[in-house]
Each structure stands twice: as C-alpha cells, then as structure tokens.
Amino acid sequence: MPGDFFLPFGGKLNPDNRWCKLAQLIPWAKVDHKYAKSFKKSIRGQHAVSIRMALGALIIQERLQLSDRETLDQLTENPYLQYFIGLAGFQDRRPPFHHSLMTHFRKRLTAEVLQEINEWIAVESTKHDHNHDNDDSAAGSGKSAKRTQSDNSKEDPNQGTLLLDATCAPADIAYPTDITLLNDAREKLEEIVDALHEPHRGKLTKPRTYRKNARKAYLEVAKQRRIGRHKLRKAIGKQLRFVARDLRIIEQLSGITPLTVLNKRQYKNLLVVQELYRQQKEMHMNRTHQVGDRIVSIHQPHVRPMVRGKSKAKVEFGAKVHLSMVNGYALIERMQWDSFHEGVTLIESVEAYKTRFGHYPKAVLADQLYRNRENLAYCKERGIRLSGPKLGRPSLGDDAKEQKRIAYQDSTERNAIEGKFGEGKRKYGLERIRARLSNTSFTVIALQFLVMNLERKLRFLFHYFRYMLQMAFGRAMVAG
C-alpha cells in the first residue's frame, strides 16, 4: 500500500497519484506466480530482479517514452515510480539496477507473456465495466430497468461487439533504396576483408577492393536530386559488381584465414549481405522491384515491406499487427513480419473472443477485406452480424434506409479502433519501434498496447468514481 512506503524525508505517498492507482490495476501476484521462474534467484552472479520490478520498469519506459538510461534516472529520482516497481522505501543513492538489464527484461518478458497479461487485464476490465453498466441502468428510471429486463428475457446467446483491423508498426530504419543498400553492403564486406587479411599483414599482398572508386561512383548518383531510370540502373549494376568482387575476395581469404576470426556482428553481416546480393542481382536481371522475403535493412534483416496504400506512405517497413478491440480494450490477435491478408484472421479472432468471454459476439465490425464468402458463411451460421452491405442486389425502400443507417452507425463505431492505432502512434511510439531485435520489437509492441489498456482502465475508474460522488452529492442535496 502507498501508506507503507518508507520516505526518509517524512510524509506519505498520495494514494490518489496516478502511479499508485496504476499499481493497483495490475495483477502482480498472478503475474509473479506464473512468470517468476524467468527471474528466479540464484546464489551466483548478480542479485536477481523481481518480475514486478522488470515489468514495472518496462511499463514506465513505454508510458513515458524514455530511453533505458533515462528510465533508470527517473526511477532513482521519483519515489512514486519506485513504489510502482515494488520497492519498500525510497532510495536515491543508487539506481535499483543497471540500465543494461532493460534489454534482458525485454528478452525474458516475451510478447506472448505480455499478451497474456494484457488479456487478463482486458477481459477482467470488460466484465467489470459491463457489470457497472448494468448496475447504473438498474439504478436509473423505471423505463430503463424494464428495458433491461426485456433485453435479458430475450436470452440472446451472442453478446458484445468485436472490432477488427490491422496496422503496421514501422521499424526505426532509414528509408531503403537499392543503391543505398548495396553501398552499405559493400562497406560491410570491406570491413570483413580487412579483418580476414589482418593476420597476414606484411606477409601477403592485400587484395584490391577499389573502395575509393566504388564510393565515388555511389556519391555521383546519391547526391543528385533526380536520377533517371537508365542512370540508376547503370549505377546499381556497378555497385553489384563491386559487391560481387568483395564476396569473391572473402571466399579466397577464407581458404587461408578461418571465418572464426570475425566477430558475431561481422559474421551475421556476411550472411545477410550474401542473401541481399542474391536478391538485388535477381531483381536487376529480371528488371523488377519484387522478390520474396526482400531484405530492406542489413542491421534488421527481419523487417519486411508492407504495402498499405495509405496517402501518407504507400509502403511501410515493419511488423504487421492484427488487433481486436472490445469495449475499448485492445488485444493483439496476430503479429508477424511477413505480410498477411486480414480476412483470414476473422475466424480465429471470433473464436478467441468466445474463449475469453464464454460466448460469441453479437456483431463484428470490420472493413471490406473481411467480407469474403467463408467469413460471411461462418458468421451467418453462428448468428453474428458482420458489418457491411448484404450480398446481391441492393434493397429498396425502407429496408435500404435501414441498411444505410446501420452501415453509418457501424462505421462510426469502428472509428474507435482507428483511434486506438492513432493513440499508439502519436503517444506511445507505435509509429517508430526503436528495438532492433525481432523478438524485442514484438515485446515493445505488446507493451504499448498493454499500457494503452491500463490507461483506458485508469480513465474509466476515474470517471466512475466521479460519477458515484456526483450521485452521492445529489442524494444528499435531495435529503437535505
């Protein structure tokens, strides 16, 4: 409790502080019971960190959009943040842990773990909010109470509304172009050539890589504001030949110098550049810009291009995230680097909804990509209304007006999930994922939606308590 937190300078923590309220919304005991094995204590090495401290530090980082070092500085200076991560008292002489452990936290608390924690919070909050809505309606006028009873008497097995949509979470990489990727690949290969030749310096003649000529040829094209198609193709072909020459040199040097002299980063770059060269050569020979599993970053080879067709950016480079939203709480249904069609995820999302809440939704609000024959037949069989016009000829008369009204209402309600994407990209860093590894990038994305759900729950509790105070004040005024 906030009152038990020790402050050396006297006083007590304010229990109405946002971090104190937020700490009460997270099921720490349940999380610790299931995932504490990943942070188990050991008699050797550094002192173990509790899962509350690890998860709390990651939540603070994503909520405030801080770097690893700045997160530790804030933890050292702020007693409310120290209470949030589970410390018994305020300590300002040294940070609770070293900033380098933030990377290990992101690796151990995987996206699957965070999605399960997020699901606990979202499902419990949705049921809790639904009970409050029923209590408010029952405490209202007689007409609303009768309407609630009549609605319950229908005994509709399907309840609730499910919103579905997908977005791209762009990675923090430079906009990729073929000429820039090849120049970067050439520089990586030249570094590897230097490392392989180092043991034989003064004994063997170093192979010529013509790096100055290659750099000059690249800058002649890269510095131009507008590059013609034929001139660009010629420059790409020249860079391809420089890369091919470096790869042949590395193959020759590997016969006298083992590749074990390379560090982990250099060896990884060599493998990535070999595949990048194959893809770029294939596209150059076939005069195309498409190839399977296209590499757009040597540092993050898992990143893939996503053709979105948006007005701001037709192509984005990052992970594709399919989201479902119920009562304002967002849950990740699928997340991967390779592109996929959103329509194939409807059935698994609806089945996941049934597993969480014990019944199917009454309506599924989604865009036209989800309205294929398989999904329509699936929803019709289970009594689920899928948003959008009916198949076949359009209706006439009053039926047409009613369908337009329902379609307009569905579109306005579906804006909530678009707003959730906008909230994540404007406020929580979903527009630019700064993690570099594939698994830690997924962890950061899952953390952002977890933080958004916690914020939503915090806002709901604030408005609910304010409403109850207003009701109590109104009753006191009437009684007085």
Foldseek 3Di string as FASTA:
>chain_A
DQQQAAEPVDDTDDCPDPLNVLLVLAPLVVLCVPQQVLQDADPDDDGTAGLLLLLLLLLVCLQQVDALVVSQVCQLPDFSSVVSSPDRYHHNPGGPDDSVCNVVSLVSCFLVNLLVSLLVSQLVLLVVVVVVVLVVQCPDDPVSVVVVVVVVVVVDQAAFEKEKDKDFQFAPDDFFDLLVVLLVLLVLLVVLLCLLCVVCVPPDDRDDLPNVVLVVLSCVQVVDPDDDPVRVLVSSVVSLVSNVVSVVSSVVSCVVGPPVSDDPLSVLLVVLSVVQSVVSVVCSVVVHDDDPLHARDSLFRQWDWDQDCDPVDRIGIGKMWMWMDTPLAIHTQDIGRDDDQRQVCPVVVQVVVCVSNVGGHQEYQYDPSNPDPVNVVVCVVRNYHYADDDPDDQDDDPVNVVNVVSNVVSVVVNVSVVVVVVCCVPRRSSNYQHDRYPRSSSSSVSSSSSSSSSVVSSVVVVVVVVVVVVVVVVVVVVVD
